[in-house]
Amino acid sequence: GILGLLNFLSIRYSHRWDVTANRQFSLSDQTQKVLDGLTQPVHVIGFMAPGEQTTENTESLLRNYETASGGKLTWEIIDPDANPGMARQYNIRQYNTLVFQQGDKRQDTTSLDEAGITAALIKLTAAQQPKVYFLTGHGERSPEAASQDGYSQMRQALQNDNYQVEQLNLLTAQTVPSDAAAVVIASPQQPLLPEELTALNQYLDAAGHVFLLVDPRTAENVAPLVQRWNLSFSNDIVLDLANALQVGQLADPRAIVLQKFGFHTITRDLSRDSIPVLFVEATSINVPSEQQSGVQITRLAETSGDRSWTKKLDAQTIEFQEGVDQRGPLVLAVAVEADAPNAP
């Protein structure tokens, strides 16, 4: 009779107990607060290969979330190989992707630990969707274009991450909108005007975020924006024989594949999952040897040492020329974190 009663209670009132000394299978207080604050059901779809340790660990963690939420969070695991149509429907481009859905809102993450899952929940349930603005008016890469040099896939990825994407013309707007979570400046073909630079600097001084992308032929168009941190661009093409993209028997040193990155929140998932990043005809960034007070510059991506160097755009050879070319390691990406004097 006692066993029958316990069996009934275990079905009627599901609960998971953590009796480990350090509570390694328990969710944090912050996660519990997020789950307690759910006002609508959340469904999670994990696109993962069955039977793998990563999948089993994620399933165990999602069970904890389901139990702690009182059933407001539910989940399922989909094998993208066995269900390719489902993967295409959700525009899944990477294994081990979790898709969070609440009504018509969606949030994706590839961070499979508690911090990553809770962060995805916070973004999903935010009262307002953050906005990312793409600067226009100078021939920038367009978030609407699906061409080879278009950024429509970036726009889709941002929207999957619960961001709104809009375009911004500073000549007409004159200031960066107050609801901007970030401004993307993607390889402008003409220089930014002084009044536009002023508006962007005012935005940065108020703790704004700018994502700047440049090519060797267009880097000088935005050079004044980074001079405040003593950064500059070489305006040359970077070659890297050690990390050249290999296609069959041919290797192109202008196409650089990197899998090791500087330690930073931006590159955490790339480093953890060994995700390769391709830099095609990249220019290098000159980083000052001494940083200003209140400024932290992190080198996110660097080429190899002696097997990489810069070449002038009109160079007729890829061979290193002493006194003309600069030998590596060369910096391809940096993160700049600086004090914001006018932060709200």
Protein backbone atom coordinates (compact mmCIF):
# COMPACT_ATOMS: atom_id res chain seq x y z
CA GLY A 1 0.00 0.00 0.00
CA ILE A 2 2.83 2.38 0.90
CA LEU A 3 4.63 1.58 -2.36
CA GLY A 4 1.43 2.11 -4.32
CA LEU A 5 0.87 5.50 -2.66
CA LEU A 6 4.44 6.60 -3.36
CA ASN A 7 4.08 5.52 -6.97
CA PHE A 8 0.86 7.56 -7.29
CA LEU A 9 2.46 10.62 -5.72
CA SER A 10 5.54 10.35 -7.94
CA ILE A 11 3.31 10.50 -11.02
CA ARG A 12 0.93 13.17 -9.69
CA TYR A 13 3.62 15.43 -8.21
CA SER A 14 6.85 15.15 -10.19
CA HIS A 15 9.94 16.52 -8.45
CA ARG A 16 13.69 16.05 -8.81
CA TRP A 17 15.91 15.99 -5.74
CA ASP A 18 19.57 16.99 -5.64
CA VAL A 19 21.40 15.24 -2.81
CA THR A 20 24.94 15.93 -4.04
CA ALA A 21 27.19 17.76 -1.59
CA ASN A 22 27.76 20.78 -3.85
CA ARG A 23 24.28 20.75 -5.49
CA GLN A 24 25.87 20.29 -8.90
CA PHE A 25 22.53 19.32 -10.46
CA SER A 26 20.57 22.26 -9.04
CA LEU A 27 19.65 25.42 -10.90
CA SER A 28 20.85 28.76 -9.61
CA ASP A 29 18.63 31.22 -7.77
CA GLN A 30 18.79 33.57 -10.76
CA THR A 31 17.51 30.85 -13.10
CA GLN A 32 14.72 30.02 -10.67
CA LYS A 33 13.64 33.68 -10.59
CA VAL A 34 13.53 33.75 -14.40
CA LEU A 35 11.43 30.57 -14.47
CA ASP A 36 9.12 31.88 -11.74
CA GLY A 37 8.59 35.01 -13.84
CA LEU A 38 7.34 33.14 -16.92
CA THR A 39 3.88 34.41 -17.76
CA GLN A 40 3.43 32.33 -20.92
CA PRO A 41 4.55 28.80 -21.81
CA VAL A 42 7.96 28.37 -23.42
CA HIS A 43 8.79 25.47 -25.72
CA VAL A 44 12.39 24.52 -26.48
CA ILE A 45 13.44 22.50 -29.53
CA GLY A 46 16.97 21.10 -29.49
CA PHE A 47 18.43 20.17 -32.85
CA MET A 48 20.95 17.59 -31.70
CA ALA A 49 22.27 14.14 -32.58
CA PRO A 50 20.73 11.48 -30.32
CA GLY A 51 22.92 9.33 -28.13
CA GLU A 52 25.81 11.79 -27.83
CA GLN A 53 27.05 12.90 -24.41
CA THR A 54 26.34 16.55 -25.21
CA THR A 55 22.73 15.67 -26.05
CA GLU A 56 22.28 13.62 -22.89
CA ASN A 57 23.71 16.41 -20.73
CA THR A 58 21.40 18.95 -22.37
CA GLU A 59 18.37 16.70 -21.90
CA SER A 60 19.18 16.36 -18.20
CA LEU A 61 19.52 20.12 -17.83
CA LEU A 62 16.26 20.79 -19.70
CA ARG A 63 14.48 18.33 -17.40
CA ASN A 64 15.64 20.46 -14.47
CA TYR A 65 14.24 23.56 -16.18
CA GLU A 66 10.94 21.84 -16.91
CA THR A 67 10.55 20.69 -13.31
CA ALA A 68 11.64 24.01 -11.80
CA SER A 69 9.21 25.90 -14.05
CA GLY A 70 6.26 23.81 -12.94
CA GLY A 71 5.73 22.68 -16.51
CA LYS A 72 5.69 26.17 -18.03
CA LEU A 73 8.84 25.23 -19.97
CA THR A 74 8.62 22.16 -22.18
CA TRP A 75 11.16 20.73 -24.58
CA GLU A 76 11.91 18.16 -27.25
CA ILE A 77 15.01 16.96 -29.12
CA ILE A 78 14.98 16.72 -32.93
CA ASP A 79 17.61 14.84 -34.91
CA PRO A 80 18.41 17.22 -37.82
CA ASP A 81 19.71 14.32 -39.93
CA ALA A 82 16.54 12.28 -39.49
CA ASN A 83 14.32 15.38 -39.85
CA PRO A 84 16.03 17.64 -42.42
CA GLY A 85 12.72 19.31 -43.30
CA MET A 86 12.27 20.43 -39.69
CA ALA A 87 15.83 21.78 -39.64
CA ARG A 88 15.18 23.75 -42.84
CA GLN A 89 11.89 25.07 -41.48
CA TYR A 90 13.73 26.55 -38.50
CA ASN A 91 16.71 27.65 -40.62
CA ILE A 92 19.13 25.59 -38.51
CA ARG A 93 22.73 25.91 -39.71
CA GLN A 94 24.56 24.30 -36.81
CA TYR A 95 24.22 21.17 -34.72
CA ASN A 96 23.47 21.62 -31.00
CA THR A 97 21.19 24.62 -31.54
CA LEU A 98 18.37 25.27 -29.07
CA VAL A 99 15.32 27.16 -30.35
CA PHE A 100 13.18 28.86 -27.66
CA GLN A 101 9.63 29.82 -28.61
CA GLN A 102 7.04 31.84 -26.71
CA GLY A 103 4.06 32.79 -28.83
CA ASP A 104 5.44 34.40 -32.00
CA LYS A 105 8.79 35.23 -30.35
CA ARG A 106 11.87 33.15 -30.96
CA GLN A 107 15.35 32.98 -29.47
CA ASP A 108 18.21 30.69 -30.54
CA THR A 109 21.32 29.71 -28.62
CA THR A 110 24.23 27.29 -29.03
CA SER A 111 25.33 27.77 -25.41
CA LEU A 112 24.22 24.55 -23.76
CA ASP A 113 25.13 25.32 -20.15
CA GLU A 114 22.83 26.90 -17.57
CA ALA A 115 24.22 30.40 -18.17
CA GLY A 116 23.52 30.18 -21.91
CA ILE A 117 20.03 28.72 -21.53
CA THR A 118 18.99 31.25 -18.90
CA ALA A 119 20.40 34.10 -20.99
CA ALA A 120 18.27 32.90 -23.91
CA LEU A 121 15.19 32.85 -21.69
CA ILE A 122 15.87 36.40 -20.49
CA LYS A 123 16.17 37.65 -24.08
CA LEU A 124 13.04 35.74 -25.13
CA THR A 125 10.88 37.14 -22.34
CA ALA A 126 12.19 40.71 -22.44
CA ALA A 127 9.39 43.28 -22.51
CA GLN A 128 10.91 44.99 -25.53
CA GLN A 129 12.97 43.53 -28.34
CA PRO A 130 16.35 45.27 -28.62
CA LYS A 131 17.05 47.00 -31.93
CA VAL A 132 20.13 46.76 -34.10
CA TYR A 133 20.60 49.53 -36.68
CA PHE A 134 22.61 49.13 -39.90
CA LEU A 135 24.17 52.39 -41.04
CA THR A 136 23.26 53.38 -44.61
CA GLY A 137 24.04 56.20 -47.02
CA HIS A 138 27.65 55.30 -47.89
CA GLY A 139 27.28 52.12 -49.95
CA GLU A 140 27.42 49.80 -46.92
CA ARG A 141 26.61 46.10 -47.06
CA SER A 142 22.83 45.84 -46.91
CA PRO A 143 20.97 43.65 -44.40
CA GLU A 144 18.21 43.31 -46.99
CA ALA A 145 20.40 41.98 -49.82
CA ALA A 146 20.67 38.24 -50.38
CA SER A 147 23.55 38.64 -52.83
CA GLN A 148 27.07 37.34 -52.17
CA ASP A 149 28.08 40.62 -50.50
CA GLY A 150 24.70 41.13 -48.81
CA TYR A 151 24.03 40.69 -45.11
CA SER A 152 20.57 39.15 -45.20
CA GLN A 153 21.85 36.08 -43.33
CA MET A 154 23.19 38.32 -40.59
CA ARG A 155 19.79 40.01 -40.37
CA GLN A 156 18.09 36.62 -40.11
CA ALA A 157 20.51 35.48 -37.41
CA LEU A 158 19.82 38.64 -35.40
CA GLN A 159 16.08 38.20 -35.77
CA ASN A 160 16.43 34.58 -34.64
CA ASP A 161 18.21 36.00 -31.60
CA ASN A 162 15.15 38.15 -30.84
CA TYR A 163 16.55 41.45 -32.19
CA GLN A 164 14.70 43.91 -34.37
CA VAL A 165 16.75 45.03 -37.39
CA GLU A 166 16.38 48.47 -38.95
CA GLN A 167 18.45 50.76 -41.16
CA LEU A 168 19.78 54.16 -40.08
CA ASN A 169 20.67 57.17 -42.19
CA LEU A 170 22.43 59.63 -39.90
CA LEU A 171 22.20 62.48 -42.40
CA THR A 172 18.42 62.49 -41.96
CA ALA A 173 18.18 61.16 -38.39
CA GLN A 174 21.10 63.34 -37.13
CA THR A 175 21.41 61.25 -33.96
CA VAL A 176 21.52 57.55 -33.14
CA PRO A 177 18.07 56.49 -31.81
CA SER A 178 17.90 56.04 -28.06
CA ASP A 179 16.60 52.47 -28.45
CA ALA A 180 19.69 51.30 -30.36
CA ALA A 181 21.26 48.22 -28.77
CA ALA A 182 24.03 48.45 -31.39
CA VAL A 183 24.92 50.14 -34.66
CA VAL A 184 26.48 48.03 -37.43
CA ILE A 185 28.79 49.85 -39.85
CA ALA A 186 29.50 47.37 -42.62
CA SER A 187 32.26 48.48 -45.03
CA PRO A 188 31.07 51.91 -46.16
CA GLN A 189 32.30 52.78 -49.66
CA GLN A 190 32.39 56.55 -48.97
CA PRO A 191 33.81 58.40 -45.95
CA LEU A 192 31.55 59.22 -43.04
CA LEU A 193 30.85 62.95 -42.78
CA PRO A 194 31.96 64.97 -39.73
CA GLU A 195 28.40 65.36 -38.43
CA GLU A 196 27.87 61.60 -38.67
CA LEU A 197 31.10 60.93 -36.78
CA THR A 198 29.96 63.39 -34.10
CA ALA A 199 26.63 61.56 -33.72
CA LEU A 200 28.36 58.19 -33.44
CA ASN A 201 30.88 59.47 -30.88
CA GLN A 202 28.06 60.93 -28.81
CA TYR A 203 26.33 57.55 -28.93
CA LEU A 204 29.52 55.78 -27.82
CA ASP A 205 30.06 58.27 -25.00
CA ALA A 206 26.60 57.34 -23.74
CA ALA A 207 27.60 53.64 -23.48
CA GLY A 208 26.55 52.72 -27.00
CA HIS A 209 27.81 49.74 -28.98
CA VAL A 210 29.22 49.81 -32.51
CA PHE A 211 30.09 46.78 -34.65
CA LEU A 212 32.57 47.99 -37.27
CA LEU A 213 33.52 45.93 -40.33
CA VAL A 214 36.08 47.17 -42.86
CA ASP A 215 37.84 45.99 -46.01
CA PRO A 216 41.36 46.96 -47.14
CA ARG A 217 39.97 49.28 -49.83
CA THR A 218 37.46 51.04 -47.54
CA ALA A 219 39.11 51.08 -44.12
CA GLU A 220 40.07 54.76 -44.32
CA ASN A 221 36.41 55.73 -44.69
CA VAL A 222 35.88 54.99 -40.98
CA ALA A 223 39.44 55.51 -39.68
CA PRO A 224 38.51 58.72 -37.77
CA LEU A 225 36.03 56.74 -35.67
CA VAL A 226 38.76 54.55 -34.12
CA GLN A 227 41.49 57.16 -33.80
CA ARG A 228 40.15 58.09 -30.36
CA TRP A 229 41.58 54.77 -29.10
CA ASN A 230 44.84 55.11 -31.08
CA LEU A 231 43.78 52.33 -33.44
CA SER A 232 44.49 52.44 -37.17
CA PHE A 233 44.28 50.17 -40.23
CA SER A 234 47.14 49.02 -42.45
CA ASN A 235 44.94 49.25 -45.59
CA ASP A 236 46.94 46.29 -46.95
CA ILE A 237 45.77 42.74 -47.63
CA VAL A 238 46.87 40.14 -45.09
CA LEU A 239 48.32 36.81 -46.27
CA ASP A 240 48.71 33.81 -43.99
CA LEU A 241 50.33 30.68 -45.40
CA ALA A 242 49.89 28.75 -42.15
CA ASN A 243 46.12 29.28 -41.99
CA ALA A 244 45.28 29.47 -45.71
CA LEU A 245 41.96 28.05 -46.87
CA GLN A 246 42.64 24.69 -48.55
CA VAL A 247 40.46 23.73 -51.51
CA GLY A 248 41.62 20.46 -52.99
CA GLN A 249 45.32 20.81 -53.75
CA LEU A 250 45.20 24.60 -53.77
CA ALA A 251 45.60 26.98 -50.82
CA ASP A 252 44.69 30.66 -50.96
CA PRO A 253 46.67 32.69 -48.38
CA ARG A 254 44.28 35.63 -48.86
CA ALA A 255 41.50 33.48 -47.37
CA ILE A 256 42.46 32.91 -43.74
CA VAL A 257 40.79 30.29 -41.54
CA LEU A 258 41.20 30.78 -37.78
CA GLN A 259 40.02 28.54 -34.95
CA LYS A 260 41.91 30.06 -32.00
CA PHE A 261 40.82 33.40 -30.57
CA GLY A 262 41.62 35.80 -27.78
CA PHE A 263 39.78 35.23 -24.50
CA HIS A 264 36.62 37.36 -24.50
CA THR A 265 32.85 37.01 -24.15
CA ILE A 266 32.54 37.66 -27.89
CA THR A 267 34.69 34.65 -28.79
CA ARG A 268 33.75 32.33 -25.92
CA ASP A 269 31.45 30.09 -27.97
CA LEU A 270 33.80 30.10 -30.97
CA SER A 271 36.70 28.89 -28.85
CA ARG A 272 34.67 26.37 -26.88
CA ASP A 273 33.13 24.74 -29.95
CA SER A 274 36.25 25.17 -32.17
CA ILE A 275 34.18 27.01 -34.78
CA PRO A 276 36.36 28.16 -37.71
CA VAL A 277 36.05 31.75 -38.91
CA LEU A 278 36.99 32.73 -42.47
CA PHE A 279 38.63 36.11 -43.21
CA VAL A 280 38.79 36.84 -46.95
CA GLU A 281 41.04 39.69 -48.13
CA ALA A 282 41.22 41.12 -44.63
CA THR A 283 43.21 44.15 -43.55
CA SER A 284 45.14 44.33 -40.29
CA ILE A 285 44.55 46.55 -37.28
CA ASN A 286 47.40 48.43 -35.65
CA VAL A 287 46.98 48.19 -31.87
CA PRO A 288 48.87 50.62 -29.61
CA SER A 289 51.50 49.08 -27.36
CA GLU A 290 50.21 51.09 -24.38
CA GLN A 291 46.50 51.49 -23.75
CA GLN A 292 44.84 54.67 -22.57
CA SER A 293 43.42 54.94 -19.08
CA GLY A 294 39.86 53.62 -19.04
CA VAL A 295 40.30 51.72 -22.33
CA GLN A 296 40.66 47.94 -22.68
CA ILE A 297 41.57 46.59 -26.12
CA THR A 298 41.38 42.80 -26.55
CA ARG A 299 42.91 41.11 -29.58
CA LEU A 300 40.24 38.70 -30.75
CA ALA A 301 41.85 37.24 -33.88
CA GLU A 302 45.50 37.10 -34.99
CA THR A 303 47.40 35.47 -37.84
CA SER A 304 50.40 33.19 -37.48
CA GLY A 305 53.91 34.57 -36.95
CA ASP A 306 56.59 34.33 -39.62
CA ARG A 307 54.25 32.72 -42.16
CA SER A 308 51.93 35.73 -42.42
CA TRP A 309 52.51 39.27 -43.71
CA THR A 310 50.81 42.24 -45.36
CA LYS A 311 50.83 43.02 -49.08
CA LYS A 312 50.03 46.26 -50.88
CA LEU A 313 46.81 46.20 -52.89
CA ASP A 314 48.73 46.59 -56.18
CA ALA A 315 51.48 44.07 -55.34
CA GLN A 316 52.43 41.74 -58.19
CA THR A 317 53.73 38.95 -55.95
CA ILE A 318 52.73 37.30 -52.71
CA GLU A 319 56.35 36.84 -51.60
CA PHE A 320 57.45 38.76 -48.50
CA GLN A 321 59.42 41.92 -49.31
CA GLU A 322 61.68 43.24 -46.55
CA GLY A 323 61.09 46.93 -45.81
CA VAL A 324 57.78 46.93 -47.69
CA ASP A 325 55.62 44.28 -46.05
CA GLN A 326 54.87 43.85 -42.36
CA ARG A 327 55.39 40.37 -40.93
CA GLY A 328 52.95 38.73 -38.50
CA PRO A 329 51.42 38.04 -36.17
CA LEU A 330 48.83 40.51 -37.45
CA VAL A 331 45.62 41.53 -35.68
CA LEU A 332 42.41 40.96 -37.65
CA ALA A 333 39.79 41.75 -35.00
CA VAL A 334 39.66 43.58 -31.69
CA ALA A 335 37.14 44.41 -28.99
CA VAL A 336 37.35 47.89 -27.47
CA GLU A 337 35.75 48.53 -24.08
CA ALA A 338 36.03 52.11 -22.86
CA ASP A 339 34.66 54.30 -20.10
CA ALA A 340 31.48 56.11 -21.17
CA PRO A 341 31.55 59.64 -19.70
CA ASN A 342 27.90 60.31 -20.55
CA ALA A 343 26.45 56.93 -19.64
CA PRO A 344 22.87 57.18 -18.30
